[in-house]
Amino acid sequence: MNPLLRQVLPVLGLDEGYAAEHLDLRAGNALPSALPVNTLACGSVAAAGIAGLALRGEGPGDRVSVDPLQVSVAFRGDQLGAADGSVVSGFAPLSGFFRARDAWVRTHANYPHHRARLLRALALPESAGRDEAAAAIAERSAQEVEDTVTADHGIAVRVRPLTEWMASEQAVAVARHDVLAVVRTGEAGAIPVPDRPRVLDLTRVIAGPVATRTLGFLGCDVLRVDSPHLPELEAQHLETGAGKRSTLVDLHDTRARQRFHELLDGADVLVTGYRPGALEVFGLHPDELARSHPALVIASLSAWTPDGPWGGRRGFDSIVQAATGVGLIESVDGETPGALPAQALDHATGYLLAAGVLAALRSRAEVGGTWRVSAHLARTAHWLLQTDALDGPAAGIGDLSPWTVATSTPDGTVLQPRPAFRLGDGPTEFTYPAHRWGTDDATWLDGSA
């Protein structure tokens, strides 16, 4: 059995016998890597599929089908043409590896505000490009770049070897967390599983949107809520927004915040992906929510886990890879850092979080209670770095057409991967492609709230 799936089955309230009876995990690997990324990817997808089947209730012969080739395409959806065949690079020019005076750093500047902070920390003008950034970084030590940019609320990290990372205080904090946690934290009466559970989605980037896209695929009414003051990357939204609706709510505005809490009153699940503590000012601290909404499933993810010296830092998949030793392990020449073949920490963490939410909904129906679900990119990285699992030989995929679907939308023809798993003879496409960002009403599908 897949080692990651075996590890999380007890957390999902399931056993190996159930998985053996209901899971069809095929052989194959199209994610070439020095680390067992294929095992991570297929295990996380299988966990979401099995949890979805258990929540729905299996019929005679119902099985979860997981094909590693489909999984590999799903994990690399951001590398496909988003609309009308145009391939948008997943990383902006100022994102990536740079050689500092004594070591390597990795930056993340895909969003305009992160780009502005990086340039400001490097004392560069807004017009500066990659060459100017490279020259400025080359004059500094890698640790100085990390410290200076982080202090200015930007995102840069010194590339570390695995041994250094694992000896760090933050790695010790990460190790205190489970790769997936599903915990009952309060008392409430049992609530039958709704025909269409309502999911309020406060996530951005990849991991959280993958989790809620998975929940939408499995029949949930998912409403993503964003701030009108934070920019979104169109190609990224098109890739992760399938089967969901998208609305804008300014939580700084009193009336809008009231509207949000009305939505929350009708929700079964709240999924958050902002930095720990970022939403507490709006009355969204998990402990407070457990008191005010005792039957709510509260799911959260973060880059570094909520505690430790880096608990409040901004982080992305690529940054976590660079800091935890993945980058140097994936080096092709032993000197220049490399990367995993996909944003695998994001995707795997997203599928694990979705699996936890599905398990919590099932437990809420059986025994009641308030449920907390959590997963973290750095903890997923630890699993990948510490497992003794081995991937089989990897092969490329020539023709992507069996694994993708093209849909005509107002944004052009959108090409996206098919869902990473299938339940029984259920659908092999998402219900609908991503709606344009922020264009839906702040209501549930039945018009309430």
Protein backbone atom coordinates (compact mmCIF):
# COMPACT_ATOMS: atom_id res chain seq x y z
CA MET A 1 0.00 0.00 0.00
CA ASN A 2 1.12 3.56 -0.64
CA PRO A 3 3.10 4.61 2.50
CA LEU A 4 1.52 8.07 2.80
CA LEU A 5 -1.98 6.67 2.46
CA ARG A 6 -1.23 4.01 5.07
CA GLN A 7 -0.05 6.73 7.46
CA VAL A 8 -3.12 8.95 7.14
CA LEU A 9 -5.85 6.28 6.98
CA PRO A 10 -6.24 6.18 10.80
CA VAL A 11 -6.52 9.98 10.83
CA LEU A 12 -9.36 9.63 8.31
CA GLY A 13 -11.10 7.06 10.49
CA LEU A 14 -10.48 4.32 7.93
CA ASP A 15 -8.38 1.18 7.84
CA GLU A 16 -6.23 -0.63 5.33
CA GLY A 17 -8.96 -3.18 4.67
CA TYR A 18 -11.32 -0.45 3.51
CA ALA A 19 -8.66 1.01 1.25
CA ALA A 20 -7.73 -2.38 -0.17
CA GLU A 21 -11.37 -3.08 -0.99
CA HIS A 22 -12.18 0.29 -2.52
CA LEU A 23 -8.97 1.68 -4.05
CA ASP A 24 -7.60 1.00 -7.51
CA LEU A 25 -4.16 2.63 -7.50
CA ARG A 26 -2.43 1.78 -10.74
CA ALA A 27 1.28 1.51 -11.41
CA GLY A 28 3.21 4.22 -13.19
CA ASN A 29 5.22 7.36 -12.62
CA ALA A 30 5.55 10.52 -14.69
CA LEU A 31 7.10 12.76 -12.01
CA PRO A 32 10.87 12.25 -12.32
CA SER A 33 12.64 13.30 -9.16
CA ALA A 34 15.43 12.32 -6.79
CA LEU A 35 12.78 12.22 -4.05
CA PRO A 36 9.65 9.97 -4.16
CA VAL A 37 7.33 12.68 -5.44
CA ASN A 38 5.12 10.18 -7.25
CA THR A 39 4.49 8.32 -3.99
CA LEU A 40 3.62 11.59 -2.27
CA ALA A 41 1.34 12.69 -5.10
CA CYS A 42 -0.55 9.43 -5.51
CA GLY A 43 -0.90 8.91 -1.76
CA SER A 44 -2.40 12.34 -1.17
CA VAL A 45 -4.81 12.00 -4.10
CA ALA A 46 -5.83 8.51 -2.96
CA ALA A 47 -6.48 9.86 0.54
CA ALA A 48 -8.87 12.49 -0.82
CA GLY A 49 -10.62 9.96 -3.04
CA ILE A 50 -11.03 7.36 -0.29
CA ALA A 51 -12.30 9.98 2.17
CA GLY A 52 -14.77 11.20 -0.44
CA LEU A 53 -16.07 7.71 -1.08
CA ALA A 54 -16.46 7.02 2.64
CA LEU A 55 -18.42 10.27 3.10
CA ARG A 56 -20.70 9.60 0.16
CA GLY A 57 -21.22 5.97 1.05
CA GLU A 58 -20.07 3.34 -1.38
CA GLY A 59 -22.38 1.34 -3.57
CA PRO A 60 -21.79 -2.22 -4.69
CA GLY A 61 -18.42 -2.38 -6.41
CA ASP A 62 -17.69 1.33 -6.02
CA ARG A 63 -13.96 2.04 -6.11
CA VAL A 64 -11.65 5.02 -6.22
CA SER A 65 -9.55 5.01 -9.38
CA VAL A 66 -6.15 6.72 -9.21
CA ASP A 67 -3.93 6.69 -12.28
CA PRO A 68 -0.41 8.07 -11.63
CA LEU A 69 -0.31 9.54 -15.14
CA GLN A 70 -3.47 11.54 -14.47
CA VAL A 71 -2.08 12.55 -11.09
CA SER A 72 1.15 13.79 -12.66
CA VAL A 73 -0.74 15.95 -15.14
CA ALA A 74 -3.00 17.30 -12.39
CA PHE A 75 0.04 18.23 -10.29
CA ARG A 76 1.52 20.11 -13.24
CA GLY A 77 -1.62 21.89 -14.36
CA ASP A 78 0.10 25.26 -13.99
CA GLN A 79 2.53 24.19 -16.74
CA LEU A 80 -0.26 23.79 -19.31
CA GLY A 81 -1.65 26.50 -21.57
CA ALA A 82 -4.17 28.36 -19.44
CA ALA A 83 -6.31 30.00 -22.12
CA ASP A 84 -6.24 29.81 -25.92
CA GLY A 85 -2.98 27.89 -25.82
CA SER A 86 -0.98 30.67 -24.16
CA VAL A 87 1.47 29.24 -21.63
CA VAL A 88 2.04 31.64 -18.76
CA SER A 89 5.21 31.03 -16.79
CA GLY A 90 4.49 29.96 -13.24
CA PHE A 91 7.21 32.29 -11.96
CA ALA A 92 7.80 35.98 -12.53
CA PRO A 93 11.27 37.23 -13.61
CA LEU A 94 12.21 38.19 -10.05
CA SER A 95 11.20 34.80 -8.67
CA GLY A 96 13.79 32.05 -8.61
CA PHE A 97 17.31 31.16 -7.55
CA PHE A 98 20.00 33.85 -7.27
CA ARG A 99 23.64 33.46 -6.34
CA ALA A 100 24.55 35.56 -3.33
CA ARG A 101 28.11 36.28 -2.22
CA ASP A 102 28.48 33.03 -0.29
CA ALA A 103 25.49 30.80 -1.16
CA TRP A 104 22.20 30.61 -3.04
CA VAL A 105 18.92 32.29 -2.22
CA ARG A 106 15.45 31.76 -3.64
CA THR A 107 12.99 34.61 -4.00
CA HIS A 108 9.26 34.76 -4.67
CA ALA A 109 7.89 37.84 -6.40
CA ASN A 110 4.96 36.59 -8.47
CA TYR A 111 2.52 39.04 -6.90
CA PRO A 112 3.07 42.79 -7.47
CA HIS A 113 3.23 43.64 -3.77
CA HIS A 114 5.84 40.96 -3.13
CA ARG A 115 7.88 42.21 -6.10
CA ALA A 116 7.74 45.77 -4.73
CA ARG A 117 8.89 44.64 -1.28
CA LEU A 118 11.78 42.63 -2.72
CA LEU A 119 13.02 45.56 -4.77
CA ARG A 120 12.65 47.93 -1.84
CA ALA A 121 14.64 45.61 0.44
CA LEU A 122 17.39 45.41 -2.20
CA ALA A 123 17.36 49.22 -2.58
CA LEU A 124 16.39 48.91 -6.24
CA PRO A 125 13.98 51.05 -8.24
CA GLU A 126 10.58 49.74 -9.33
CA SER A 127 11.88 49.53 -12.90
CA ALA A 128 14.63 47.05 -11.98
CA GLY A 129 14.67 43.66 -13.66
CA ARG A 130 16.28 40.30 -13.00
CA ASP A 131 19.80 41.39 -13.96
CA GLU A 132 19.74 44.30 -11.52
CA ALA A 133 18.35 42.06 -8.77
CA ALA A 134 21.02 39.45 -9.45
CA ALA A 135 23.76 42.06 -9.16
CA ALA A 136 22.36 43.43 -5.90
CA ILE A 137 22.02 39.97 -4.38
CA ALA A 138 25.53 38.97 -5.47
CA GLU A 139 26.95 41.76 -3.31
CA ARG A 140 25.29 40.44 -0.14
CA SER A 141 25.52 37.27 1.88
CA ALA A 142 22.63 34.85 1.45
CA GLN A 143 21.59 35.25 5.07
CA GLU A 144 21.62 39.04 4.73
CA VAL A 145 19.30 38.80 1.74
CA GLU A 146 16.92 36.51 3.63
CA ASP A 147 16.91 38.69 6.73
CA THR A 148 16.57 42.01 4.91
CA VAL A 149 13.81 40.92 2.55
CA THR A 150 11.88 39.09 5.28
CA ALA A 151 12.07 42.14 7.55
CA ASP A 152 10.46 44.17 4.75
CA HIS A 153 7.62 41.59 4.47
CA GLY A 154 9.01 40.21 1.24
CA ILE A 155 9.87 36.61 0.47
CA ALA A 156 13.41 35.28 0.15
CA VAL A 157 15.16 32.37 1.78
CA ARG A 158 18.72 31.12 1.98
CA VAL A 159 19.04 27.71 0.34
CA ARG A 160 19.91 25.22 3.07
CA PRO A 161 21.22 21.66 3.05
CA LEU A 162 18.97 19.07 4.64
CA THR A 163 21.20 18.54 7.69
CA GLU A 164 21.19 22.23 8.55
CA TRP A 165 17.44 22.53 8.15
CA MET A 166 16.68 19.49 10.29
CA ALA A 167 18.86 20.85 13.09
CA SER A 168 17.03 24.19 13.08
CA GLU A 169 14.51 25.38 15.62
CA GLN A 170 11.84 25.70 12.94
CA ALA A 171 12.33 22.12 11.77
CA VAL A 172 11.83 20.97 15.37
CA ALA A 173 8.58 22.96 15.46
CA VAL A 174 7.45 21.44 12.17
CA ALA A 175 8.15 17.92 13.46
CA ARG A 176 5.69 18.46 16.32
CA HIS A 177 2.83 18.46 13.81
CA ASP A 178 1.23 15.53 12.03
CA VAL A 179 1.28 15.39 8.26
CA LEU A 180 -2.52 15.65 8.55
CA ALA A 181 -4.47 16.44 11.71
CA VAL A 182 -8.22 15.91 12.17
CA VAL A 183 -9.14 16.72 15.77
CA ARG A 184 -12.43 17.14 17.63
CA THR A 185 -12.21 20.36 19.63
CA GLY A 186 -15.74 21.04 20.85
CA GLU A 187 -19.16 19.65 21.60
CA ALA A 188 -22.11 19.88 19.24
CA GLY A 189 -24.91 17.62 18.15
CA ALA A 190 -24.52 15.32 15.19
CA ILE A 191 -25.50 16.83 11.84
CA PRO A 192 -26.33 14.58 8.88
CA VAL A 193 -24.12 15.07 5.86
CA PRO A 194 -25.88 17.69 3.69
CA ASP A 195 -26.65 16.87 0.08
CA ARG A 196 -24.32 19.73 -0.82
CA PRO A 197 -22.06 20.77 2.06
CA ARG A 198 -21.28 24.47 2.05
CA VAL A 199 -17.61 25.41 2.01
CA LEU A 200 -16.42 28.96 2.60
CA ASP A 201 -13.02 29.21 0.93
CA LEU A 202 -10.54 31.77 2.23
CA THR A 203 -7.47 30.46 0.42
CA ARG A 204 -5.12 31.71 -2.26
CA VAL A 205 -2.29 30.51 -4.49
CA ILE A 206 -2.30 26.68 -4.98
CA ALA A 207 -2.57 24.45 -1.89
CA GLY A 208 -5.82 25.82 -0.49
CA PRO A 209 -7.51 26.26 -3.88
CA VAL A 210 -6.58 22.65 -4.77
CA ALA A 211 -8.22 21.49 -1.54
CA THR A 212 -11.44 23.39 -2.19
CA ARG A 213 -11.47 22.46 -5.89
CA THR A 214 -11.39 18.84 -4.73
CA LEU A 215 -14.30 19.48 -2.37
CA GLY A 216 -16.23 21.09 -5.23
CA PHE A 217 -15.55 18.08 -7.44
CA LEU A 218 -17.03 15.88 -4.72
CA GLY A 219 -20.27 17.82 -4.60
CA CYS A 220 -19.71 20.69 -2.17
CA ASP A 221 -20.98 24.21 -2.77
CA VAL A 222 -17.66 26.08 -2.64
CA LEU A 223 -17.65 29.87 -2.46
CA ARG A 224 -14.21 31.42 -2.59
CA VAL A 225 -13.97 34.81 -0.89
CA ASP A 226 -11.14 37.21 -1.68
CA SER A 227 -10.24 40.71 -0.67
CA PRO A 228 -10.64 43.28 -3.45
CA HIS A 229 -7.33 44.75 -2.29
CA LEU A 230 -5.19 41.68 -3.03
CA PRO A 231 -4.32 40.93 -6.67
CA GLU A 232 -4.91 37.52 -8.18
CA LEU A 233 -2.93 35.79 -10.92
CA GLU A 234 -5.42 35.06 -13.69
CA ALA A 235 -3.76 31.92 -15.01
CA GLN A 236 -3.47 30.48 -11.51
CA HIS A 237 -7.13 31.18 -10.79
CA LEU A 238 -8.21 29.55 -14.05
CA GLU A 239 -6.21 26.44 -13.15
CA THR A 240 -7.42 26.01 -9.56
CA GLY A 241 -10.89 27.55 -9.65
CA ALA A 242 -12.84 24.84 -11.47
CA GLY A 243 -16.14 23.84 -9.88
CA LYS A 244 -16.17 26.82 -7.51
CA ARG A 245 -17.63 30.30 -7.41
CA SER A 246 -15.63 33.43 -6.67
CA THR A 247 -16.70 36.57 -4.85
CA LEU A 248 -15.02 39.64 -3.33
CA VAL A 249 -15.68 40.79 0.24
CA ASP A 250 -13.73 43.58 1.94
CA LEU A 251 -13.50 42.40 5.53
CA HIS A 252 -12.26 45.84 6.56
CA ASP A 253 -15.71 47.23 5.69
CA THR A 254 -18.25 46.82 8.51
CA ARG A 255 -21.21 45.93 6.28
CA ALA A 256 -19.18 43.58 4.12
CA ARG A 257 -17.80 41.87 7.20
CA GLN A 258 -21.35 41.40 8.49
CA ARG A 259 -22.26 39.84 5.15
CA PHE A 260 -19.33 37.47 5.44
CA HIS A 261 -20.39 36.36 8.90
CA GLU A 262 -23.90 35.73 7.56
CA LEU A 263 -22.32 33.42 5.00
CA LEU A 264 -20.35 31.78 7.77
CA ASP A 265 -23.55 31.17 9.73
CA GLY A 266 -24.74 28.96 6.86
CA ALA A 267 -21.44 27.20 6.21
CA ASP A 268 -20.50 23.63 7.06
CA VAL A 269 -16.79 24.16 6.43
CA LEU A 270 -14.39 27.10 6.60
CA VAL A 271 -11.03 26.64 4.86
CA THR A 272 -8.31 29.23 5.46
CA GLY A 273 -4.87 29.52 3.93
CA TYR A 274 -3.59 32.87 5.15
CA ARG A 275 -0.63 33.28 7.48
CA PRO A 276 -1.38 32.25 11.07
CA GLY A 277 -3.03 35.16 12.86
CA ALA A 278 -3.81 37.15 9.71
CA LEU A 279 -7.59 36.65 9.98
CA GLU A 280 -8.01 36.93 13.74
CA VAL A 281 -8.74 40.66 13.62
CA PHE A 282 -11.93 39.80 11.72
CA GLY A 283 -13.20 37.45 14.43
CA LEU A 284 -11.91 34.34 12.68
CA HIS A 285 -9.67 32.84 15.35
CA PRO A 286 -10.30 29.08 15.39
CA ASP A 287 -11.02 29.04 19.13
CA GLU A 288 -13.53 31.88 18.79
CA LEU A 289 -15.15 30.16 15.82
CA ALA A 290 -15.44 26.92 17.76
CA ARG A 291 -17.45 28.81 20.39
CA SER A 292 -19.62 30.82 18.00
CA HIS A 293 -20.12 28.05 15.41
CA PRO A 294 -19.86 24.80 17.37
CA ALA A 295 -20.77 22.55 14.42
CA LEU A 296 -18.30 24.09 11.99
CA VAL A 297 -15.44 22.17 10.40
CA ILE A 298 -12.47 24.56 10.50
CA ALA A 299 -9.63 23.66 8.14
CA SER A 300 -6.38 25.57 7.88
CA LEU A 301 -3.05 25.30 6.15
CA SER A 302 0.16 27.26 6.38
CA ALA A 303 3.66 27.22 4.97
CA TRP A 304 5.75 26.68 8.10
CA THR A 305 3.17 25.53 10.74
CA PRO A 306 1.69 28.04 13.19
CA ASP A 307 4.53 27.86 15.71
CA GLY A 308 8.31 28.14 15.74
CA PRO A 309 10.36 31.24 14.84
CA TRP A 310 9.08 31.10 11.25
CA GLY A 311 5.44 30.51 12.15
CA GLY A 312 4.33 33.95 10.98
CA ARG A 313 6.50 34.08 7.87
CA ARG A 314 5.13 34.18 4.38
CA GLY A 315 5.96 31.09 2.40
CA PHE A 316 5.29 29.31 -0.86
CA ASP A 317 6.03 25.82 -2.16
CA SER A 318 9.22 26.89 -3.92
CA ILE A 319 10.47 28.71 -0.82
CA VAL A 320 9.77 25.72 1.44
CA GLN A 321 11.64 23.47 -1.00
CA ALA A 322 14.66 25.76 -0.93
CA ALA A 323 14.76 26.11 2.86
CA THR A 324 14.23 22.47 3.82
CA GLY A 325 16.95 20.88 1.68
CA VAL A 326 14.80 19.77 -1.24
CA GLY A 327 16.46 22.27 -3.57
CA LEU A 328 19.97 20.89 -3.04
CA ILE A 329 18.81 17.28 -3.18
CA GLU A 330 17.21 17.98 -6.55
CA SER A 331 20.35 19.67 -7.92
CA VAL A 332 21.39 18.24 -11.27
CA ASP A 333 25.05 19.21 -10.89
CA GLY A 334 25.60 19.13 -7.13
CA GLU A 335 26.01 22.89 -7.02
CA THR A 336 23.06 24.74 -8.55
CA PRO A 337 19.83 24.15 -6.61
CA GLY A 338 16.99 22.37 -8.36
CA ALA A 339 13.30 21.85 -7.73
CA LEU A 340 10.65 19.18 -7.76
CA PRO A 341 8.98 18.53 -11.15
CA ALA A 342 5.78 20.18 -9.89
CA GLN A 343 4.57 22.35 -7.03
CA ALA A 344 4.13 19.02 -5.28
CA LEU A 345 4.11 20.32 -1.71
CA ASP A 346 1.23 22.62 -2.60
CA HIS A 347 -0.80 19.99 -4.40
CA ALA A 348 -0.20 17.16 -1.94
CA THR A 349 -0.99 19.37 1.04
CA GLY A 350 -4.18 20.48 -0.71
CA TYR A 351 -5.38 16.94 -1.31
CA LEU A 352 -4.53 15.95 2.26
CA LEU A 353 -6.46 18.92 3.63
CA ALA A 354 -9.47 18.00 1.49
CA ALA A 355 -9.29 14.43 2.78
CA GLY A 356 -9.30 15.72 6.34
CA VAL A 357 -12.33 17.93 5.71
CA LEU A 358 -14.26 15.00 4.23
CA ALA A 359 -13.37 12.82 7.20
CA ALA A 360 -14.43 15.56 9.63
CA LEU A 361 -17.81 15.92 7.90
CA ARG A 362 -18.32 12.18 8.25
CA SER A 363 -17.35 12.24 11.92
CA ARG A 364 -19.60 15.25 12.55
CA ALA A 365 -22.51 13.22 11.16
CA GLU A 366 -21.65 10.20 13.31
CA VAL A 367 -20.65 11.70 16.66
CA GLY A 368 -21.15 15.47 16.35
CA GLY A 369 -18.63 18.00 17.55
CA THR A 370 -16.51 20.87 16.28
CA TRP A 371 -13.62 19.70 14.12
CA ARG A 372 -10.23 21.17 13.30
CA VAL A 373 -8.30 20.02 10.25
CA SER A 374 -4.76 21.16 9.48
CA ALA A 375 -1.88 20.50 7.12
CA HIS A 376 1.29 22.44 6.33
CA LEU A 377 3.68 22.66 3.40
CA ALA A 378 6.79 22.24 5.54
CA ARG A 379 5.34 19.16 7.25
CA THR A 380 4.56 17.67 3.83
CA ALA A 381 8.18 18.39 2.88
CA HIS A 382 9.34 16.55 6.01
CA TRP A 383 7.33 13.50 5.00
CA LEU A 384 8.92 13.56 1.55
CA LEU A 385 12.42 13.98 2.96
CA GLN A 386 12.12 11.34 5.67
CA THR A 387 10.14 8.54 4.03
CA ASP A 388 11.90 5.37 2.94
CA ALA A 389 9.50 5.01 0.00
CA LEU A 390 10.98 4.64 -3.47
CA ASP A 391 9.41 5.62 -6.77
CA GLY A 392 9.59 3.38 -9.78
CA PRO A 393 11.23 4.57 -13.00
CA ALA A 394 9.65 7.71 -14.41
CA ALA A 395 8.53 8.10 -18.00
CA GLY A 396 7.34 11.09 -19.94
CA ILE A 397 3.83 11.65 -21.28
CA GLY A 398 3.71 12.43 -24.96
CA ASP A 399 0.06 13.04 -25.81
CA LEU A 400 -1.70 14.98 -23.05
CA SER A 401 -5.15 14.84 -24.62
CA PRO A 402 -6.40 11.80 -22.65
CA TRP A 403 -5.50 13.56 -19.41
CA THR A 404 -6.82 17.05 -20.15
CA VAL A 405 -10.05 18.73 -21.21
CA ALA A 406 -10.52 21.93 -23.22
CA THR A 407 -13.55 24.08 -22.43
CA SER A 408 -14.83 27.21 -24.13
CA THR A 409 -15.20 30.07 -21.65
CA PRO A 410 -15.48 33.89 -21.74
CA ASP A 411 -11.70 33.88 -21.25
CA GLY A 412 -11.14 31.70 -24.32
CA THR A 413 -10.59 27.99 -24.58
CA VAL A 414 -9.27 26.86 -21.20
CA LEU A 415 -7.14 23.72 -21.08
CA GLN A 416 -6.95 22.01 -17.73
CA PRO A 417 -6.17 18.58 -16.31
CA ARG A 418 -9.01 16.22 -15.61
CA PRO A 419 -9.63 15.49 -11.92
CA ALA A 420 -6.82 13.49 -10.35
CA PHE A 421 -9.13 10.63 -9.30
CA ARG A 422 -12.50 9.15 -10.12
CA LEU A 423 -15.19 7.75 -7.85
CA GLY A 424 -16.90 4.69 -9.31
CA ASP A 425 -18.36 5.58 -12.68
CA GLY A 426 -18.60 9.25 -11.67
CA PRO A 427 -17.49 12.26 -13.71
CA THR A 428 -14.06 12.66 -15.26
CA GLU A 429 -14.42 16.44 -15.58
CA PHE A 430 -15.03 19.24 -13.14
CA THR A 431 -18.60 20.55 -13.07
CA TYR A 432 -17.57 23.77 -14.77
CA PRO A 433 -14.37 25.74 -15.41
CA ALA A 434 -13.33 28.58 -13.14
CA HIS A 435 -15.63 31.56 -13.07
CA ARG A 436 -13.99 34.90 -13.62
CA TRP A 437 -12.34 36.01 -10.41
CA GLY A 438 -14.64 37.91 -8.06
CA THR A 439 -17.71 37.91 -10.32
CA ASP A 440 -20.16 35.79 -8.29
CA ASP A 441 -22.63 37.00 -5.68
CA ALA A 442 -21.79 36.53 -2.02
CA THR A 443 -24.55 33.96 -1.54
CA TRP A 444 -24.91 30.22 -1.32
CA LEU A 445 -26.28 28.38 -4.34
CA ASP A 446 -29.80 28.38 -2.92
CA GLY A 447 -29.61 32.16 -2.62
CA SER A 448 -29.40 32.28 1.17
CA ALA A 449 -27.17 34.59 3.21
